[in-house]
């Protein structure tokens, strides 16, 4: 994609990011972790949700990985780490 095409896509409202597709959820210490990698030009960005009961936290990171599966695995790993460190506090503020 050339410079002109990049500028054109900005002004035309084109968006090459596809809607994330939720992958199978994982249960962890009473939480449900649902990865939903976002496909972009450079790979897949970490995205998903952590839920417990009626509470939900959207989990988005800047990390980009080459496949949806590797991205989902990394999202689950990071979500477990976040749960271990913050517990229910993840629902009190969006960081």
N, C-alpha and C. Protein backbone atom coordinates (compact mmCIF):
# COMPACT_ATOMS: atom_id res chain seq x y z
N UNK A 1 0.85 -1.17 0.00
CA UNK A 1 0.00 0.00 0.00
C UNK A 1 0.90 1.23 0.00
N UNK A 2 0.68 2.12 -0.96
CA UNK A 2 1.47 3.32 -1.06
C UNK A 2 0.97 4.42 -0.16
N UNK A 3 1.71 5.50 -0.13
CA UNK A 3 1.35 6.64 0.71
C UNK A 3 -0.02 7.19 0.33
N UNK A 4 -0.26 7.33 -0.98
CA UNK A 4 -1.54 7.85 -1.42
C UNK A 4 -2.69 6.96 -0.97
N UNK A 5 -2.50 5.63 -1.10
CA UNK A 5 -3.55 4.70 -0.68
C UNK A 5 -3.81 4.79 0.82
N UNK A 6 -2.75 4.99 1.60
CA UNK A 6 -2.91 5.13 3.05
C UNK A 6 -3.72 6.37 3.40
N UNK A 7 -3.39 7.48 2.75
CA UNK A 7 -4.12 8.73 2.99
C UNK A 7 -5.57 8.59 2.54
N UNK A 8 -5.76 7.98 1.39
CA UNK A 8 -7.12 7.77 0.86
C UNK A 8 -7.96 6.94 1.82
N UNK A 9 -7.38 5.88 2.39
CA UNK A 9 -8.14 5.02 3.30
C UNK A 9 -8.52 5.75 4.58
N UNK A 10 -7.68 6.69 5.01
CA UNK A 10 -8.00 7.46 6.21
C UNK A 10 -9.25 8.32 5.98
N UNK A 11 -9.29 8.98 4.83
CA UNK A 11 -10.40 9.89 4.55
C UNK A 11 -11.65 9.19 4.04
N UNK A 12 -11.50 7.99 3.51
CA UNK A 12 -12.67 7.28 3.00
C UNK A 12 -13.36 6.47 4.09
N UNK A 13 -12.73 6.38 5.25
CA UNK A 13 -13.34 5.64 6.35
C UNK A 13 -13.14 4.15 6.26
N UNK A 14 -12.25 3.69 5.36
CA UNK A 14 -11.97 2.26 5.27
C UNK A 14 -11.36 1.78 6.57
N UNK A 15 -11.75 0.62 6.98
CA UNK A 15 -11.21 0.04 8.20
C UNK A 15 -10.87 -1.41 7.91
N UNK A 16 -9.59 -1.73 7.94
CA UNK A 16 -9.17 -3.09 7.64
C UNK A 16 -9.24 -4.00 8.86
N UNK A 17 -9.57 -3.45 10.02
CA UNK A 17 -9.72 -4.27 11.22
C UNK A 17 -11.06 -4.99 11.13
N UNK A 18 -11.02 -6.31 11.33
CA UNK A 18 -12.24 -7.10 11.29
C UNK A 18 -12.80 -7.23 12.69
N UNK A 19 -14.10 -7.44 12.77
CA UNK A 19 -14.78 -7.63 14.05
C UNK A 19 -14.21 -8.87 14.74
N UNK A 20 -13.86 -8.76 16.04
CA UNK A 20 -13.29 -9.91 16.73
C UNK A 20 -14.29 -11.06 16.85
N UNK A 21 -13.78 -12.27 16.75
CA UNK A 21 -14.60 -13.46 16.90
C UNK A 21 -14.21 -14.16 18.20
N UNK A 22 -15.18 -14.32 19.08
CA UNK A 22 -14.90 -14.96 20.37
C UNK A 22 -14.52 -16.42 20.17
N UNK A 23 -13.46 -16.82 20.84
CA UNK A 23 -13.00 -18.20 20.82
C UNK A 23 -13.47 -18.89 22.10
N UNK A 24 -13.29 -20.20 22.22
CA UNK A 24 -13.77 -20.91 23.41
C UNK A 24 -13.25 -20.29 24.72
N UNK A 25 -14.14 -20.21 25.69
CA UNK A 25 -13.82 -19.64 27.00
C UNK A 25 -13.08 -20.65 27.87
N UNK A 26 -12.37 -20.11 28.86
CA UNK A 26 -11.63 -20.90 29.83
C UNK A 26 -12.08 -20.44 31.22
N UNK A 27 -12.33 -21.40 32.10
CA UNK A 27 -12.67 -21.09 33.49
C UNK A 27 -11.39 -21.05 34.31
N UNK A 28 -11.27 -20.04 35.18
CA UNK A 28 -10.07 -19.92 36.01
C UNK A 28 -10.44 -19.24 37.33
N UNK A 29 -10.33 -19.95 38.42
CA UNK A 29 -10.57 -19.44 39.78
C UNK A 29 -11.90 -18.68 39.90
N UNK A 30 -12.94 -19.19 39.28
CA UNK A 30 -14.25 -18.57 39.36
C UNK A 30 -14.51 -17.50 38.31
N UNK A 31 -13.56 -17.24 37.45
CA UNK A 31 -13.69 -16.26 36.37
C UNK A 31 -13.81 -16.99 35.04
N UNK A 32 -14.45 -16.35 34.08
CA UNK A 32 -14.52 -16.87 32.72
C UNK A 32 -13.71 -15.95 31.83
N UNK A 33 -12.73 -16.51 31.15
CA UNK A 33 -11.86 -15.75 30.25
C UNK A 33 -12.25 -16.13 28.83
N UNK A 34 -12.63 -15.13 28.03
CA UNK A 34 -13.04 -15.37 26.65
C UNK A 34 -12.17 -14.56 25.70
N UNK A 35 -11.23 -15.23 25.04
CA UNK A 35 -10.40 -14.51 24.07
C UNK A 35 -11.19 -14.19 22.80
N UNK A 36 -10.91 -13.03 22.21
CA UNK A 36 -11.53 -12.62 20.95
C UNK A 36 -10.49 -11.80 20.17
N UNK A 37 -9.49 -12.47 19.61
CA UNK A 37 -8.42 -11.75 18.90
C UNK A 37 -8.97 -10.86 17.80
N UNK A 38 -8.35 -9.69 17.64
CA UNK A 38 -8.75 -8.74 16.61
C UNK A 38 -7.76 -8.86 15.45
N UNK A 39 -8.27 -9.21 14.26
CA UNK A 39 -7.39 -9.33 13.10
C UNK A 39 -7.09 -7.96 12.53
N UNK A 40 -5.80 -7.70 12.36
CA UNK A 40 -5.33 -6.44 11.78
C UNK A 40 -4.33 -6.77 10.68
N UNK A 41 -3.86 -5.76 9.98
CA UNK A 41 -2.89 -5.98 8.90
C UNK A 41 -1.62 -6.65 9.40
N UNK A 42 -1.21 -6.34 10.63
CA UNK A 42 0.06 -6.85 11.15
C UNK A 42 -0.07 -8.16 11.90
N UNK A 43 -1.26 -8.68 12.07
CA UNK A 43 -1.47 -9.92 12.81
C UNK A 43 -2.74 -9.85 13.62
N UNK A 44 -2.70 -10.40 14.82
CA UNK A 44 -3.87 -10.43 15.70
C UNK A 44 -3.55 -9.72 17.01
N UNK A 45 -4.40 -8.77 17.40
CA UNK A 45 -4.21 -8.02 18.63
C UNK A 45 -4.97 -8.71 19.75
N UNK A 46 -4.35 -8.72 20.94
CA UNK A 46 -4.95 -9.34 22.12
C UNK A 46 -6.22 -8.59 22.53
N UNK A 47 -7.31 -9.34 22.68
CA UNK A 47 -8.60 -8.77 23.02
C UNK A 47 -9.46 -9.89 23.61
N UNK A 48 -10.37 -9.52 24.49
CA UNK A 48 -11.29 -10.49 25.05
C UNK A 48 -11.98 -9.93 26.28
N UNK A 49 -12.63 -10.80 27.03
CA UNK A 49 -13.32 -10.38 28.24
C UNK A 49 -13.01 -11.33 29.39
N UNK A 50 -13.07 -10.75 30.58
CA UNK A 50 -12.98 -11.52 31.83
C UNK A 50 -14.30 -11.26 32.53
N UNK A 51 -15.01 -12.31 32.87
CA UNK A 51 -16.29 -12.15 33.55
C UNK A 51 -16.35 -12.99 34.81
N UNK A 52 -17.17 -12.52 35.73
CA UNK A 52 -17.47 -13.25 36.96
C UNK A 52 -18.87 -12.84 37.36
N UNK A 53 -19.80 -13.78 37.28
CA UNK A 53 -21.19 -13.43 37.56
C UNK A 53 -21.69 -12.41 36.55
N UNK A 54 -22.21 -11.30 37.06
CA UNK A 54 -22.74 -10.24 36.21
C UNK A 54 -21.68 -9.20 35.84
N UNK A 55 -20.49 -9.32 36.42
CA UNK A 55 -19.43 -8.34 36.17
C UNK A 55 -18.59 -8.75 34.97
N UNK A 56 -18.13 -7.73 34.22
CA UNK A 56 -17.34 -8.00 33.03
C UNK A 56 -16.25 -6.94 32.87
N UNK A 57 -15.10 -7.36 32.39
CA UNK A 57 -13.97 -6.46 32.13
C UNK A 57 -13.48 -6.72 30.71
N UNK A 58 -13.45 -5.69 29.88
CA UNK A 58 -12.90 -5.82 28.54
C UNK A 58 -11.39 -5.77 28.63
N UNK A 59 -10.76 -6.74 28.01
CA UNK A 59 -9.32 -6.93 28.10
C UNK A 59 -8.73 -6.67 26.71
N UNK A 60 -8.02 -5.54 26.55
CA UNK A 60 -7.40 -5.19 25.28
C UNK A 60 -5.95 -4.83 25.53
N UNK A 61 -5.07 -5.37 24.71
CA UNK A 61 -3.65 -5.05 24.81
C UNK A 61 -3.11 -4.70 23.44
N UNK A 62 -2.00 -4.02 23.40
CA UNK A 62 -1.39 -3.59 22.14
C UNK A 62 -0.62 -4.71 21.47
N UNK A 63 -0.33 -5.79 22.18
CA UNK A 63 0.45 -6.90 21.63
C UNK A 63 -0.18 -7.42 20.34
N UNK A 64 0.66 -7.72 19.37
CA UNK A 64 0.21 -8.29 18.11
C UNK A 64 0.96 -9.60 17.87
N UNK A 65 0.22 -10.65 17.58
CA UNK A 65 0.82 -11.97 17.35
C UNK A 65 0.40 -12.49 15.98
N UNK A 66 1.16 -13.44 15.41
CA UNK A 66 0.91 -13.86 14.03
C UNK A 66 -0.34 -14.69 13.80
N UNK A 67 -0.85 -15.38 14.82
CA UNK A 67 -2.04 -16.23 14.61
C UNK A 67 -3.08 -15.98 15.69
N UNK A 68 -4.33 -16.28 15.35
CA UNK A 68 -5.41 -16.11 16.32
C UNK A 68 -5.22 -17.04 17.51
N UNK A 69 -4.75 -18.26 17.26
CA UNK A 69 -4.55 -19.23 18.35
C UNK A 69 -3.47 -18.77 19.32
N UNK A 70 -2.33 -18.29 18.80
CA UNK A 70 -1.27 -17.82 19.69
C UNK A 70 -1.71 -16.58 20.44
N UNK A 71 -2.50 -15.76 19.79
CA UNK A 71 -3.03 -14.56 20.43
C UNK A 71 -3.99 -14.94 21.57
N UNK A 72 -4.85 -15.92 21.33
CA UNK A 72 -5.80 -16.37 22.36
C UNK A 72 -5.05 -16.95 23.56
N UNK A 73 -4.01 -17.74 23.28
CA UNK A 73 -3.22 -18.31 24.37
C UNK A 73 -2.56 -17.22 25.21
N UNK A 74 -2.04 -16.20 24.56
CA UNK A 74 -1.38 -15.11 25.29
C UNK A 74 -2.40 -14.29 26.06
N UNK A 75 -3.59 -14.08 25.50
CA UNK A 75 -4.64 -13.35 26.21
C UNK A 75 -5.02 -14.10 27.47
N UNK A 76 -5.17 -15.41 27.37
CA UNK A 76 -5.54 -16.23 28.54
C UNK A 76 -4.44 -16.17 29.59
N UNK A 77 -3.19 -16.26 29.17
CA UNK A 77 -2.07 -16.19 30.11
C UNK A 77 -2.05 -14.86 30.84
N UNK A 78 -2.21 -13.76 30.08
CA UNK A 78 -2.19 -12.43 30.70
C UNK A 78 -3.42 -12.20 31.58
N UNK A 79 -4.57 -12.72 31.17
CA UNK A 79 -5.79 -12.57 31.97
C UNK A 79 -5.65 -13.30 33.31
N UNK A 80 -5.07 -14.50 33.28
CA UNK A 80 -4.85 -15.25 34.53
C UNK A 80 -3.92 -14.47 35.46
N UNK A 81 -2.89 -13.90 34.88
CA UNK A 81 -1.95 -13.10 35.67
C UNK A 81 -2.66 -11.89 36.29
N UNK A 82 -3.50 -11.24 35.51
CA UNK A 82 -4.25 -10.08 36.00
C UNK A 82 -5.21 -10.49 37.12
N UNK A 83 -5.87 -11.63 36.96
CA UNK A 83 -6.78 -12.14 37.99
C UNK A 83 -6.00 -12.43 39.27
N UNK A 84 -4.84 -13.08 39.15
CA UNK A 84 -4.03 -13.40 40.32
C UNK A 84 -3.58 -12.14 41.07
N UNK A 85 -3.23 -11.09 40.33
CA UNK A 85 -2.73 -9.86 40.96
C UNK A 85 -3.85 -8.96 41.48
N UNK A 86 -4.97 -8.88 40.76
CA UNK A 86 -5.99 -7.89 41.10
C UNK A 86 -7.29 -8.46 41.63
N UNK A 87 -7.57 -9.72 41.33
CA UNK A 87 -8.83 -10.30 41.78
C UNK A 87 -10.02 -9.51 41.29
N UNK A 88 -11.02 -9.33 42.14
CA UNK A 88 -12.24 -8.62 41.75
C UNK A 88 -12.01 -7.13 41.50
N UNK A 89 -10.87 -6.60 41.86
CA UNK A 89 -10.58 -5.19 41.60
C UNK A 89 -10.54 -4.88 40.11
N UNK A 90 -10.38 -5.87 39.26
CA UNK A 90 -10.38 -5.59 37.81
C UNK A 90 -11.71 -5.04 37.33
N UNK A 91 -12.77 -5.27 38.10
CA UNK A 91 -14.09 -4.78 37.72
C UNK A 91 -14.35 -3.35 38.21
N UNK A 92 -13.51 -2.86 39.11
CA UNK A 92 -13.72 -1.54 39.69
C UNK A 92 -13.17 -0.41 38.84
N UNK A 93 -12.19 -0.70 37.98
CA UNK A 93 -11.64 0.34 37.12
C UNK A 93 -11.15 -0.28 35.83
N UNK A 94 -11.31 0.44 34.75
CA UNK A 94 -10.81 0.01 33.45
C UNK A 94 -9.44 0.62 33.28
N UNK A 95 -8.40 -0.19 33.29
CA UNK A 95 -7.03 0.31 33.17
C UNK A 95 -6.56 0.20 31.75
